[in-house]
Amino acid sequence: MFVRLASPEGRRETITSRPWLMSSIGRRTEHASQTTLTLTGLHAHFKKAKQLLTQISAQLQA
């Protein structure tokens, strides 16, 4: 489901897309009743993953 949210226009194989979507370190910070999640990518394709994760975030906030 997570990979489908990241790329609704086409199907992605979980075995190939999961490593670059999930290979990052996350840090959660809270301040003034607002929670922020900061990701640091460890994969060569993190720029693409960052774009997709930002799109998912926007969808979930809407």
PDB file of N, CA and C in Angstrom:
ATOM      1  N   MET A   1       0.812  -1.185   0.000  1.00  0.00           N
ATOM      2  CA  MET A   1       0.000   0.000   0.000  1.00  0.00           C
ATOM      3  C   MET A   1       0.864   1.260   0.000  1.00  0.00           C
ATOM      4  N   PHE A   2       1.934   1.233   0.790  1.00  0.00           N
ATOM      5  CA  PHE A   2       2.827   2.389   0.863  1.00  0.00           C
ATOM      6  C   PHE A   2       3.470   2.665  -0.490  1.00  0.00           C
ATOM      7  N   VAL A   3       3.920   1.625  -1.167  1.00  0.00           N
ATOM      8  CA  VAL A   3       4.546   1.793  -2.479  1.00  0.00           C
ATOM      9  C   VAL A   3       3.512   2.269  -3.496  1.00  0.00           C
ATOM     10  N   ARG A   4       2.269   1.834  -3.358  1.00  0.00           N
ATOM     11  CA  ARG A   4       1.204   2.273  -4.272  1.00  0.00           C
ATOM     12  C   ARG A   4       0.925   3.768  -4.090  1.00  0.00           C
ATOM     13  N   LEU A   5       0.942   4.257  -2.844  1.00  0.00           N
ATOM     14  CA  LEU A   5       0.778   5.695  -2.608  1.00  0.00           C
ATOM     15  C   LEU A   5       1.922   6.485  -3.232  1.00  0.00           C
ATOM     16  N   ALA A   6       3.100   5.918  -3.192  1.00  0.00           N
ATOM     17  CA  ALA A   6       4.269   6.601  -3.736  1.00  0.00           C
ATOM     18  C   ALA A   6       4.221   6.714  -5.245  1.00  0.00           C
ATOM     19  N   SER A   7       3.614   5.748  -5.887  1.00  0.00           N
ATOM     20  CA  SER A   7       3.576   5.752  -7.346  1.00  0.00           C
ATOM     21  C   SER A   7       2.228   5.233  -7.833  1.00  0.00           C
ATOM     22  N   PRO A   8       1.171   6.039  -7.775  1.00  0.00           N
ATOM     23  CA  PRO A   8      -0.157   5.562  -8.166  1.00  0.00           C
ATOM     24  C   PRO A   8      -0.320   5.318  -9.665  1.00  0.00           C
ATOM     25  N   GLU A   9       0.526   5.932 -10.490  1.00  0.00           N
ATOM     26  CA  GLU A   9       0.365   5.794 -11.942  1.00  0.00           C
ATOM     27  C   GLU A   9       0.838   4.449 -12.476  1.00  0.00           C
ATOM     28  N   GLY A  10       1.622   3.728 -11.724  1.00  0.00           N
ATOM     29  CA  GLY A  10       2.104   2.440 -12.204  1.00  0.00           C
ATOM     30  C   GLY A  10       2.446   1.520 -11.064  1.00  0.00           C
ATOM     31  N   ARG A  11       2.575   0.262 -11.378  1.00  0.00           N
ATOM     32  CA  ARG A  11       2.917  -0.723 -10.364  1.00  0.00           C
ATOM     33  C   ARG A  11       4.423  -0.812 -10.215  1.00  0.00           C
ATOM     34  N   ARG A  12       4.860  -0.919  -8.998  1.00  0.00           N
ATOM     35  CA  ARG A  12       6.271  -1.117  -8.711  1.00  0.00           C
ATOM     36  C   ARG A  12       6.420  -2.436  -7.979  1.00  0.00           C
ATOM     37  N   GLU A  13       7.464  -3.124  -8.297  1.00  0.00           N
ATOM     38  CA  GLU A  13       7.749  -4.365  -7.600  1.00  0.00           C
ATOM     39  C   GLU A  13       8.264  -4.044  -6.210  1.00  0.00           C
ATOM     40  N   THR A  14       7.702  -4.668  -5.216  1.00  0.00           N
ATOM     41  CA  THR A  14       8.096  -4.415  -3.838  1.00  0.00           C
ATOM     42  C   THR A  14       9.557  -4.772  -3.605  1.00  0.00           C
ATOM     43  N   ILE A  15      10.019  -5.822  -4.211  1.00  0.00           N
ATOM     44  CA  ILE A  15      11.391  -6.287  -3.981  1.00  0.00           C
ATOM     45  C   ILE A  15      12.428  -5.265  -4.463  1.00  0.00           C
ATOM     46  N   THR A  16      12.075  -4.462  -5.482  1.00  0.00           N
ATOM     47  CA  THR A  16      13.031  -3.483  -5.998  1.00  0.00           C
ATOM     48  C   THR A  16      12.807  -2.075  -5.461  1.00  0.00           C
ATOM     49  N   SER A  17      11.562  -1.721  -5.159  1.00  0.00           N
ATOM     50  CA  SER A  17      11.301  -0.355  -4.709  1.00  0.00           C
ATOM     51  C   SER A  17      11.390  -0.179  -3.199  1.00  0.00           C
ATOM     52  N   ARG A  18      11.139  -1.220  -2.444  1.00  0.00           N
ATOM     53  CA  ARG A  18      11.183  -1.082  -0.989  1.00  0.00           C
ATOM     54  C   ARG A  18      12.547  -0.689  -0.458  1.00  0.00           C
ATOM     55  N   PRO A  19      13.653  -1.243  -0.952  1.00  0.00           N
ATOM     56  CA  PRO A  19      14.956  -0.858  -0.390  1.00  0.00           C
ATOM     57  C   PRO A  19      15.249   0.636  -0.487  1.00  0.00           C
ATOM     58  N   TRP A  20      14.937   1.294  -1.603  1.00  0.00           N
ATOM     59  CA  TRP A  20      15.258   2.720  -1.704  1.00  0.00           C
ATOM     60  C   TRP A  20      14.205   3.598  -1.058  1.00  0.00           C
ATOM     61  N   LEU A  21      13.010   3.080  -0.804  1.00  0.00           N
ATOM     62  CA  LEU A  21      12.025   3.856  -0.060  1.00  0.00           C
ATOM     63  C   LEU A  21      12.217   3.725   1.459  1.00  0.00           C
ATOM     64  N   MET A  22      12.769   2.623   1.891  1.00  0.00           N
ATOM     65  CA  MET A  22      12.858   2.360   3.317  1.00  0.00           C
ATOM     66  C   MET A  22      14.274   2.479   3.885  1.00  0.00           C
ATOM     67  N   SER A  23      15.267   2.770   3.071  1.00  0.00           N
ATOM     68  CA  SER A  23      16.645   2.815   3.567  1.00  0.00           C
ATOM     69  C   SER A  23      17.031   4.229   3.980  1.00  0.00           C
ATOM     70  N   SER A  24      16.453   4.669   5.053  1.00  0.00           N
ATOM     71  CA  SER A  24      16.793   5.977   5.594  1.00  0.00           C
ATOM     72  C   SER A  24      16.627   5.937   7.110  1.00  0.00           C
ATOM     73  N   ILE A  25      17.263   6.870   7.752  1.00  0.00           N
ATOM     74  CA  ILE A  25      17.173   6.991   9.192  1.00  0.00           C
ATOM     75  C   ILE A  25      16.245   8.160   9.492  1.00  0.00           C
ATOM     76  N   GLY A  26      15.292   7.931  10.369  1.00  0.00           N
ATOM     77  CA  GLY A  26      14.325   8.976  10.693  1.00  0.00           C
ATOM     78  C   GLY A  26      14.496   9.483  12.113  1.00  0.00           C
ATOM     79  N   ARG A  27      14.197  10.762  12.283  1.00  0.00           N
ATOM     80  CA  ARG A  27      14.229  11.367  13.611  1.00  0.00           C
ATOM     81  C   ARG A  27      12.947  12.186  13.779  1.00  0.00           C
ATOM     82  N   ARG A  28      12.239  11.930  14.869  1.00  0.00           N
ATOM     83  CA  ARG A  28      11.005  12.649  15.157  1.00  0.00           C
ATOM     84  C   ARG A  28      11.276  13.695  16.233  1.00  0.00           C
ATOM     85  N   THR A  29      10.863  14.918  15.959  1.00  0.00           N
ATOM     86  CA  THR A  29      10.999  15.984  16.951  1.00  0.00           C
ATOM     87  C   THR A  29       9.636  16.620  17.164  1.00  0.00           C
ATOM     88  N   GLU A  30       9.387  17.035  18.384  1.00  0.00           N
ATOM     89  CA  GLU A  30       8.128  17.696  18.726  1.00  0.00           C
ATOM     90  C   GLU A  30       8.435  19.036  19.362  1.00  0.00           C
ATOM     91  N   HIS A  31       7.698  20.049  18.902  1.00  0.00           N
ATOM     92  CA  HIS A  31       7.850  21.391  19.457  1.00  0.00           C
ATOM     93  C   HIS A  31       6.561  22.162  19.214  1.00  0.00           C
ATOM     94  N   ALA A  32       6.042  22.779  20.236  1.00  0.00           N
ATOM     95  CA  ALA A  32       4.833  23.603  20.141  1.00  0.00           C
ATOM     96  C   ALA A  32       3.672  22.829  19.509  1.00  0.00           C
ATOM     97  N   SER A  33       3.460  21.627  19.987  1.00  0.00           N
ATOM     98  CA  SER A  33       2.362  20.761  19.515  1.00  0.00           C
ATOM     99  C   SER A  33       2.465  20.413  18.033  1.00  0.00           C
ATOM    100  N   GLN A  34       3.656  20.484  17.476  1.00  0.00           N
ATOM    101  CA  GLN A  34       3.866  20.110  16.081  1.00  0.00           C
ATOM    102  C   GLN A  34       4.954  19.047  16.032  1.00  0.00           C
ATOM    103  N   THR A  35       4.697  17.973  15.301  1.00  0.00           N
ATOM    104  CA  THR A  35       5.651  16.882  15.159  1.00  0.00           C
ATOM    105  C   THR A  35       6.291  16.955  13.778  1.00  0.00           C
ATOM    106  N   THR A  36       7.619  16.862  13.749  1.00  0.00           N
ATOM    107  CA  THR A  36       8.364  16.890  12.497  1.00  0.00           C
ATOM    108  C   THR A  36       9.164  15.605  12.366  1.00  0.00           C
ATOM    109  N   LEU A  37       9.116  14.996  11.192  1.00  0.00           N
ATOM    110  CA  LEU A  37       9.892  13.792  10.903  1.00  0.00           C
ATOM    111  C   LEU A  37      10.979  14.164   9.912  1.00  0.00           C
ATOM    112  N   THR A  38      12.233  13.950  10.303  1.00  0.00           N
ATOM    113  CA  THR A  38      13.378  14.261   9.451  1.00  0.00           C
ATOM    114  C   THR A  38      14.018  12.952   9.007  1.00  0.00           C
ATOM    115  N   LEU A  39      14.183  12.777   7.687  1.00  0.00           N
ATOM    116  CA  LEU A  39      14.781  11.561   7.146  1.00  0.00           C
ATOM    117  C   LEU A  39      16.146  11.857   6.558  1.00  0.00           C
ATOM    118  N   THR A  40      17.088  10.969   6.825  1.00  0.00           N
ATOM    119  CA  THR A  40      18.417  11.034   6.240  1.00  0.00           C
ATOM    120  C   THR A  40      18.591   9.787   5.380  1.00  0.00           C
ATOM    121  N   GLY A  41      18.763   9.977   4.082  1.00  0.00           N
ATOM    122  CA  GLY A  41      18.836   8.857   3.147  1.00  0.00           C
ATOM    123  C   GLY A  41      20.191   8.187   3.112  1.00  0.00           C
ATOM    124  N   LEU A  42      20.161   6.865   2.985  1.00  0.00           N
ATOM    125  CA  LEU A  42      21.378   6.069   2.900  1.00  0.00           C
ATOM    126  C   LEU A  42      21.526   5.355   1.560  1.00  0.00           C
ATOM    127  N   HIS A  43      20.555   5.534   0.684  1.00  0.00           N
ATOM    128  CA  HIS A  43      20.540   4.820  -0.586  1.00  0.00           C
ATOM    129  C   HIS A  43      20.909   5.779  -1.719  1.00  0.00           C
ATOM    130  N   ALA A  44      21.467   5.252  -2.783  1.00  0.00           N
ATOM    131  CA  ALA A  44      21.870   6.083  -3.918  1.00  0.00           C
ATOM    132  C   ALA A  44      20.679   6.770  -4.581  1.00  0.00           C
ATOM    133  N   HIS A  45      19.497   6.179  -4.506  1.00  0.00           N
ATOM    134  CA  HIS A  45      18.298   6.749  -5.134  1.00  0.00           C
ATOM    135  C   HIS A  45      17.457   7.537  -4.136  1.00  0.00           C
ATOM    136  N   PHE A  46      18.054   8.103  -3.105  1.00  0.00           N
ATOM    137  CA  PHE A  46      17.275   8.793  -2.076  1.00  0.00           C
ATOM    138  C   PHE A  46      16.589  10.046  -2.605  1.00  0.00           C
ATOM    139  N   LYS A  47      17.163  10.716  -3.593  1.00  0.00           N
ATOM    140  CA  LYS A  47      16.507  11.914  -4.142  1.00  0.00           C
ATOM    141  C   LYS A  47      15.129  11.567  -4.704  1.00  0.00           C
ATOM    142  N   LYS A  48      15.037  10.464  -5.427  1.00  0.00           N
ATOM    143  CA  LYS A  48      13.753  10.007  -5.967  1.00  0.00           C
ATOM    144  C   LYS A  48      12.824   9.607  -4.828  1.00  0.00           C
ATOM    145  N   ALA A  49      13.350   8.911  -3.848  1.00  0.00           N
ATOM    146  CA  ALA A  49      12.539   8.512  -2.697  1.00  0.00           C
ATOM    147  C   ALA A  49      12.055   9.734  -1.935  1.00  0.00           C
ATOM    148  N   LYS A  50      12.880  10.756  -1.809  1.00  0.00           N
ATOM    149  CA  LYS A  50      12.499  11.977  -1.104  1.00  0.00           C
ATOM    150  C   LYS A  50      11.314  12.645  -1.790  1.00  0.00           C
ATOM    151  N   GLN A  51      11.334  12.694  -3.116  1.00  0.00           N
ATOM    152  CA  GLN A  51      10.228  13.282  -3.862  1.00  0.00           C
ATOM    153  C   GLN A  51       8.938  12.504  -3.616  1.00  0.00           C
ATOM    154  N   LEU A  52       9.024  11.186  -3.673  1.00  0.00           N
ATOM    155  CA  LEU A  52       7.841  10.366  -3.480  1.00  0.00           C
ATOM    156  C   LEU A  52       7.319  10.456  -2.048  1.00  0.00           C
ATOM    157  N   LEU A  53       8.231  10.472  -1.074  1.00  0.00           N
ATOM    158  CA  LEU A  53       7.804  10.587   0.329  1.00  0.00           C
ATOM    159  C   LEU A  53       7.167  11.935   0.605  1.00  0.00           C
ATOM    160  N   THR A  54       7.665  12.989  -0.039  1.00  0.00           N
ATOM    161  CA  THR A  54       7.053  14.313   0.114  1.00  0.00           C
ATOM    162  C   THR A  54       5.648  14.326  -0.476  1.00  0.00           C
ATOM    163  N   GLN A  55       5.455  13.657  -1.602  1.00  0.00           N
ATOM    164  CA  GLN A  55       4.120  13.563  -2.204  1.00  0.00           C
ATOM    165  C   GLN A  55       3.161  12.802  -1.294  1.00  0.00           C
ATOM    166  N   ILE A  56       3.622  11.720  -0.700  1.00  0.00           N
ATOM    167  CA  ILE A  56       2.788  10.948   0.219  1.00  0.00           C
ATOM    168  C   ILE A  56       2.414  11.788   1.418  1.00  0.00           C
ATOM    169  N   SER A  57       3.366  12.533   1.936  1.00  0.00           N
ATOM    170  CA  SER A  57       3.106  13.404   3.084  1.00  0.00           C
ATOM    171  C   SER A  57       2.020  14.423   2.758  1.00  0.00           C
ATOM    172  N   ALA A  58       2.104  15.026   1.577  1.00  0.00           N
ATOM    173  CA  ALA A  58       1.102  16.008   1.163  1.00  0.00           C
ATOM    174  C   ALA A  58      -0.283  15.370   1.039  1.00  0.00           C
ATOM    175  N   GLN A  59      -0.327  14.154   0.509  1.00  0.00           N
ATOM    176  CA  GLN A  59      -1.606  13.446   0.370  1.00  0.00           C
ATOM    177  C   GLN A  59      -2.208  13.161   1.736  1.00  0.00           C
ATOM    178  N   LEU A  60      -1.389  12.726   2.680  1.00  0.00           N
ATOM    179  CA  LEU A  60      -1.899  12.378   4.009  1.00  0.00           C
ATOM    180  C   LEU A  60      -2.326  13.628   4.798  1.00  0.00           C
ATOM    181  N   GLN A  61      -1.687  14.761   4.548  1.00  0.00           N
ATOM    182  CA  GLN A  61      -2.047  15.984   5.248  1.00  0.00           C
ATOM    183  C   GLN A  61      -3.313  16.622   4.694  1.00  0.00           C
ATOM    184  N   ALA A  62      -3.628  16.315   3.434  1.00  0.00           N
ATOM    185  CA  ALA A  62      -4.824  16.909   2.792  1.00  0.00           C
ATOM    186  C   ALA A  62      -6.118  16.315   3.321  1.00  0.00           C
TER     187      ALA A  62
END
